[in-house]
Each structure stands twice: as structure tokens, then as C-alpha cells.
PDB file of all heavy atoms in Angstrom:
ATOM      1  N   LEU A   1      94.709 105.754  77.773  1.00  0.00           N
ATOM      2  CA  LEU A   1      94.967 106.277  79.107  1.00  0.00           C
ATOM      3  C   LEU A   1      93.999 107.414  79.439  1.00  0.00           C
ATOM      4  O   LEU A   1      93.513 107.529  80.572  1.00  0.00           O
ATOM      5  CB  LEU A   1      96.412 106.784  79.189  1.00  0.00           C
ATOM      6  CG  LEU A   1      96.945 107.154  80.581  1.00  0.00           C
ATOM      7  CD1 LEU A   1      97.092 105.915  81.440  1.00  0.00           C
ATOM      8  CD2 LEU A   1      98.272 107.894  80.457  1.00  0.00           C
ATOM      9  N   LEU A   2      93.669 108.236  78.430  1.00  0.00           N
ATOM     10  CA  LEU A   2      92.829 109.418  78.654  1.00  0.00           C
ATOM     11  C   LEU A   2      91.341 109.143  78.496  1.00  0.00           C
ATOM     12  O   LEU A   2      90.519 109.859  79.091  1.00  0.00           O
ATOM     13  CB  LEU A   2      93.238 110.527  77.682  1.00  0.00           C
ATOM     14  CG  LEU A   2      94.647 111.115  77.864  1.00  0.00           C
ATOM     15  CD1 LEU A   2      94.931 112.157  76.778  1.00  0.00           C
ATOM     16  CD2 LEU A   2      94.786 111.744  79.243  1.00  0.00           C
ATOM     17  N   PHE A   3      90.962 108.136  77.706  1.00  0.00           N
ATOM     18  CA  PHE A   3      89.555 107.986  77.359  1.00  0.00           C
ATOM     19  C   PHE A   3      88.946 106.655  77.772  1.00  0.00           C
ATOM     20  O   PHE A   3      87.808 106.363  77.414  1.00  0.00           O
ATOM     21  CB  PHE A   3      89.380 108.176  75.846  1.00  0.00           C
ATOM     22  CG  PHE A   3      89.754 109.544  75.369  1.00  0.00           C
ATOM     23  CD1 PHE A   3      90.954 109.754  74.703  1.00  0.00           C
ATOM     24  CD2 PHE A   3      88.918 110.621  75.605  1.00  0.00           C
ATOM     25  CE1 PHE A   3      91.313 111.019  74.273  1.00  0.00           C
ATOM     26  CE2 PHE A   3      89.267 111.892  75.158  1.00  0.00           C
ATOM     27  CZ  PHE A   3      90.470 112.097  74.500  1.00  0.00           C
ATOM     28  N   THR A   4      89.675 105.839  78.530  1.00  0.00           N
ATOM     29  CA  THR A   4      89.076 104.601  79.022  1.00  0.00           C
ATOM     30  C   THR A   4      87.891 104.888  79.928  1.00  0.00           C
ATOM     31  O   THR A   4      86.892 104.171  79.926  1.00  0.00           O
ATOM     32  CB  THR A   4      90.128 103.760  79.773  1.00  0.00           C
ATOM     33  OG1 THR A   4      91.134 103.355  78.843  1.00  0.00           O
ATOM     34  CG2 THR A   4      89.491 102.521  80.398  1.00  0.00           C
ATOM     35  N   THR A   5      87.991 105.963  80.729  1.00  0.00           N
ATOM     36  CA  THR A   5      86.884 106.394  81.575  1.00  0.00           C
ATOM     37  C   THR A   5      86.582 107.857  81.275  1.00  0.00           C
ATOM     38  O   THR A   5      87.458 108.604  80.813  1.00  0.00           O
ATOM     39  CB  THR A   5      87.231 106.219  83.072  1.00  0.00           C
ATOM     40  OG1 THR A   5      86.144 106.670  83.867  1.00  0.00           O
ATOM     41  CG2 THR A   5      88.472 107.005  83.438  1.00  0.00           C
ATOM     42  N   SER A   6      85.366 108.282  81.559  1.00  0.00           N
ATOM     43  CA  SER A   6      84.960 109.667  81.282  1.00  0.00           C
ATOM     44  C   SER A   6      84.896 110.506  82.547  1.00  0.00           C
ATOM     45  O   SER A   6      84.146 111.467  82.621  1.00  0.00           O
ATOM     46  CB  SER A   6      83.592 109.665  80.588  1.00  0.00           C
ATOM     47  OG  SER A   6      82.628 108.975  81.367  1.00  0.00           O
ATOM     48  N   HIS A   7      85.674 110.134  83.563  1.00  0.00           N
ATOM     49  CA  HIS A   7      85.668 110.880  84.824  1.00  0.00           C
ATOM     50  C   HIS A   7      86.152 112.312  84.587  1.00  0.00           C
ATOM     51  O   HIS A   7      87.097 112.552  83.830  1.00  0.00           O
ATOM     52  CB  HIS A   7      86.570 110.183  85.842  1.00  0.00           C
ATOM     53  CG  HIS A   7      86.218 110.495  87.257  1.00  0.00           C
ATOM     54  ND1 HIS A   7      86.501 111.717  87.837  1.00  0.00           N
ATOM     55  CD2 HIS A   7      85.591 109.769  88.219  1.00  0.00           C
ATOM     56  CE1 HIS A   7      86.083 111.739  89.089  1.00  0.00           C
ATOM     57  NE2 HIS A   7      85.522 110.550  89.352  1.00  0.00           N
ATOM     58  N   LYS A   8      85.496 113.270  85.230  1.00  0.00           N
ATOM     59  CA  LYS A   8      85.839 114.675  85.025  1.00  0.00           C
ATOM     60  C   LYS A   8      87.176 115.047  85.654  1.00  0.00           C
ATOM     61  O   LYS A   8      87.868 115.948  85.180  1.00  0.00           O
ATOM     62  CB  LYS A   8      84.730 115.567  85.595  1.00  0.00           C
ATOM     63  CG  LYS A   8      83.414 115.441  84.834  1.00  0.00           C
ATOM     64  CD  LYS A   8      82.367 116.383  85.405  1.00  0.00           C
ATOM     65  CE  LYS A   8      81.051 116.263  84.629  1.00  0.00           C
ATOM     66  NZ  LYS A   8      80.007 117.169  85.156  1.00  0.00           N
ATOM     67  N   ASN A   9      87.546 114.375  86.735  1.00  0.00           N
ATOM     68  CA  ASN A   9      88.819 114.644  87.387  1.00  0.00           C
ATOM     69  C   ASN A   9      89.952 114.044  86.544  1.00  0.00           C
ATOM     70  O   ASN A   9      90.019 112.830  86.370  1.00  0.00           O
ATOM     71  CB  ASN A   9      88.834 114.043  88.795  1.00  0.00           C
ATOM     72  CG  ASN A   9      90.059 114.458  89.584  1.00  0.00           C
ATOM     73  OD1 ASN A   9      91.146 114.566  89.051  1.00  0.00           O
ATOM     74  ND2 ASN A   9      89.870 114.690  90.884  1.00  0.00           N
ATOM     75  N   PRO A  10      90.865 114.866  85.988  1.00  0.00           N
ATOM     76  CA  PRO A  10      91.904 114.324  85.101  1.00  0.00           C
ATOM     77  C   PRO A  10      92.843 113.340  85.792  1.00  0.00           C
ATOM     78  O   PRO A  10      93.319 112.390  85.169  1.00  0.00           O
ATOM     79  CB  PRO A  10      92.653 115.577  84.619  1.00  0.00           C
ATOM     80  CG  PRO A  10      92.343 116.632  85.631  1.00  0.00           C
ATOM     81  CD  PRO A  10      90.971 116.321  86.140  1.00  0.00           C
ATOM     82  N   VAL A  11      93.104 113.567  87.080  1.00  0.00           N
ATOM     83  CA  VAL A  11      93.992 112.655  87.799  1.00  0.00           C
ATOM     84  C   VAL A  11      93.355 111.277  87.928  1.00  0.00           C
ATOM     85  O   VAL A  11      93.998 110.248  87.690  1.00  0.00           O
ATOM     86  CB  VAL A  11      94.339 113.241  89.187  1.00  0.00           C
ATOM     87  CG1 VAL A  11      95.206 112.257  89.969  1.00  0.00           C
ATOM     88  CG2 VAL A  11      95.058 114.582  89.045  1.00  0.00           C
ATOM     89  N   LYS A  12      92.073 111.265  88.322  1.00  0.00           N
ATOM     90  CA  LYS A  12      91.371 109.988  88.440  1.00  0.00           C
ATOM     91  C   LYS A  12      91.222 109.324  87.076  1.00  0.00           C
ATOM     92  O   LYS A  12      91.310 108.101  86.959  1.00  0.00           O
ATOM     93  CB  LYS A  12      90.006 110.199  89.078  1.00  0.00           C
ATOM     94  CG  LYS A  12      90.061 110.550  90.562  1.00  0.00           C
ATOM     95  CD  LYS A  12      88.675 110.620  91.154  1.00  0.00           C
ATOM     96  CE  LYS A  12      88.737 110.893  92.663  1.00  0.00           C
ATOM     97  NZ  LYS A  12      87.369 110.964  93.262  1.00  0.00           N
ATOM     98  N   ARG A  13      90.992 110.146  86.054  1.00  0.00           N
ATOM     99  CA  ARG A  13      90.842 109.582  84.704  1.00  0.00           C
ATOM    100  C   ARG A  13      92.114 108.855  84.281  1.00  0.00           C
ATOM    101  O   ARG A  13      92.069 107.722  83.788  1.00  0.00           O
ATOM    102  CB  ARG A  13      90.511 110.693  83.710  1.00  0.00           C
ATOM    103  CG  ARG A  13      90.509 110.225  82.268  1.00  0.00           C
ATOM    104  CD  ARG A  13      90.248 111.333  81.297  1.00  0.00           C
ATOM    105  NE  ARG A  13      88.878 111.811  81.375  1.00  0.00           N
ATOM    106  CZ  ARG A  13      88.323 112.613  80.460  1.00  0.00           C
ATOM    107  NH1 ARG A  13      89.046 113.011  79.414  1.00  0.00           N
ATOM    108  NH2 ARG A  13      87.083 113.014  80.586  1.00  0.00           N
ATOM    109  N   ILE A  14      93.266 109.494  84.477  1.00  0.00           N
ATOM    110  CA  ILE A  14      94.531 108.879  84.078  1.00  0.00           C
ATOM    111  C   ILE A  14      94.829 107.667  84.961  1.00  0.00           C
ATOM    112  O   ILE A  14      95.299 106.628  84.476  1.00  0.00           O
ATOM    113  CB  ILE A  14      95.674 109.917  84.172  1.00  0.00           C
ATOM    114  CG1 ILE A  14      95.457 111.009  83.120  1.00  0.00           C
ATOM    115  CG2 ILE A  14      97.027 109.245  83.972  1.00  0.00           C
ATOM    116  CD1 ILE A  14      96.465 112.147  83.192  1.00  0.00           C
ATOM    117  N   GLY A  15      94.545 107.790  86.261  1.00  0.00           N
ATOM    118  CA  GLY A  15      94.802 106.666  87.170  1.00  0.00           C
ATOM    119  C   GLY A  15      93.978 105.448  86.824  1.00  0.00           C
ATOM    120  O   GLY A  15      94.500 104.325  86.767  1.00  0.00           O
ATOM    121  N   VAL A  16      92.676 105.663  86.578  1.00  0.00           N
ATOM    122  CA  VAL A  16      91.806 104.545  86.204  1.00  0.00           C
ATOM    123  C   VAL A  16      92.220 103.978  84.850  1.00  0.00           C
ATOM    124  O   VAL A  16      92.249 102.756  84.641  1.00  0.00           O
ATOM    125  CB  VAL A  16      90.332 104.991  86.185  1.00  0.00           C
ATOM    126  CG1 VAL A  16      89.447 103.893  85.614  1.00  0.00           C
ATOM    127  CG2 VAL A  16      89.865 105.359  87.589  1.00  0.00           C
ATOM    128  N   GLY A  17      92.562 104.870  83.915  1.00  0.00           N
ATOM    129  CA  GLY A  17      92.986 104.408  82.598  1.00  0.00           C
ATOM    130  C   GLY A  17      94.243 103.572  82.658  1.00  0.00           C
ATOM    131  O   GLY A  17      94.347 102.533  81.986  1.00  0.00           O
ATOM    132  N   PHE A  18      95.193 103.982  83.487  1.00  0.00           N
ATOM    133  CA  PHE A  18      96.439 103.219  83.609  1.00  0.00           C
ATOM    134  C   PHE A  18      96.197 101.866  84.278  1.00  0.00           C
ATOM    135  O   PHE A  18      96.690 100.837  83.819  1.00  0.00           O
ATOM    136  CB  PHE A  18      97.462 104.029  84.412  1.00  0.00           C
ATOM    137  CG  PHE A  18      98.769 103.322  84.604  1.00  0.00           C
ATOM    138  CD1 PHE A  18      99.698 103.270  83.574  1.00  0.00           C
ATOM    139  CD2 PHE A  18      99.057 102.698  85.802  1.00  0.00           C
ATOM    140  CE1 PHE A  18     100.901 102.608  83.740  1.00  0.00           C
ATOM    141  CE2 PHE A  18     100.259 102.023  85.977  1.00  0.00           C
ATOM    142  CZ  PHE A  18     101.186 101.992  84.941  1.00  0.00           C
ATOM    143  N   ALA A  19      95.416 101.869  85.353  1.00  0.00           N
ATOM    144  CA  ALA A  19      95.176 100.634  86.103  1.00  0.00           C
ATOM    145  C   ALA A  19      94.398  99.615  85.276  1.00  0.00           C
ATOM    146  O   ALA A  19      94.654  98.411  85.347  1.00  0.00           O
ATOM    147  CB  ALA A  19      94.422 100.943  87.394  1.00  0.00           C
ATOM    148  N   SER A  20      93.441 100.096  84.488  1.00  0.00           N
ATOM    149  CA  SER A  20      92.592  99.176  83.723  1.00  0.00           C
ATOM    150  C   SER A  20      93.218  98.727  82.411  1.00  0.00           C
ATOM    151  O   SER A  20      92.709  97.805  81.775  1.00  0.00           O
ATOM    152  CB  SER A  20      91.237  99.833  83.436  1.00  0.00           C
ATOM    153  OG  SER A  20      91.415 101.027  82.685  1.00  0.00           O
ATOM    154  N   SER A  21      94.310  99.374  81.999  1.00  0.00           N
ATOM    155  CA  SER A  21      94.918  99.025  80.707  1.00  0.00           C
ATOM    156  C   SER A  21      96.261  98.323  80.851  1.00  0.00           C
ATOM    157  O   SER A  21      96.828  97.869  79.843  1.00  0.00           O
ATOM    158  CB  SER A  21      95.109 100.287  79.859  1.00  0.00           C
ATOM    159  OG  SER A  21      95.935 101.233  80.529  1.00  0.00           O
ATOM    160  N   LEU A  22      96.780  98.203  82.076  1.00  0.00           N
ATOM    161  CA  LEU A  22      98.103  97.608  82.252  1.00  0.00           C
ATOM    162  C   LEU A  22      98.120  96.148  81.811  1.00  0.00           C
ATOM    163  O   LEU A  22      98.948  95.734  80.986  1.00  0.00           O
ATOM    164  CB  LEU A  22      98.531  97.730  83.716  1.00  0.00           C
ATOM    165  CG  LEU A  22      99.959  97.280  84.033  1.00  0.00           C
ATOM    166  CD1 LEU A  22     100.966  98.103  83.222  1.00  0.00           C
ATOM    167  CD2 LEU A  22     100.241  97.414  85.523  1.00  0.00           C
ATOM    168  N   LEU A  23      97.203  95.332  82.327  1.00  0.00           N
ATOM    169  CA  LEU A  23      97.155  93.920  81.938  1.00  0.00           C
ATOM    170  C   LEU A  23      96.730  93.733  80.485  1.00  0.00           C
ATOM    171  O   LEU A  23      97.315  92.899  79.779  1.00  0.00           O
ATOM    172  CB  LEU A  23      96.222  93.156  82.885  1.00  0.00           C
ATOM    173  CG  LEU A  23      96.753  92.945  84.308  1.00  0.00           C
ATOM    174  CD1 LEU A  23      95.721  92.211  85.166  1.00  0.00           C
ATOM    175  CD2 LEU A  23      98.064  92.168  84.287  1.00  0.00           C
ATOM    176  N   PRO A  24      95.717  94.494  79.990  1.00  0.00           N
ATOM    177  CA  PRO A  24      95.390  94.355  78.561  1.00  0.00           C
ATOM    178  C   PRO A  24      96.550  94.692  77.633  1.00  0.00           C
ATOM    179  O   PRO A  24      96.669  94.102  76.558  1.00  0.00           O
ATOM    180  CB  PRO A  24      94.225  95.333  78.373  1.00  0.00           C
ATOM    181  CG  PRO A  24      93.570  95.395  79.705  1.00  0.00           C
ATOM    182  CD  PRO A  24      94.696  95.284  80.686  1.00  0.00           C
TER     183      PRO A  24
END
């Protein structure tokens, strides 16, 4: 959830991590 993307914004990082890992 925290390291799927390296975006500096923590909210965007968690959001992208959650969205990209739900189906996997």
C-alpha cells in the first residue's frame, strides 16, 4: 500500500497503492 508508487504526496501514494493492489 505504501511502496507500490513513489509519489511524494502520502495521500496519493496510499490511494494509488490501494487501487492498484485490490485486484492483485
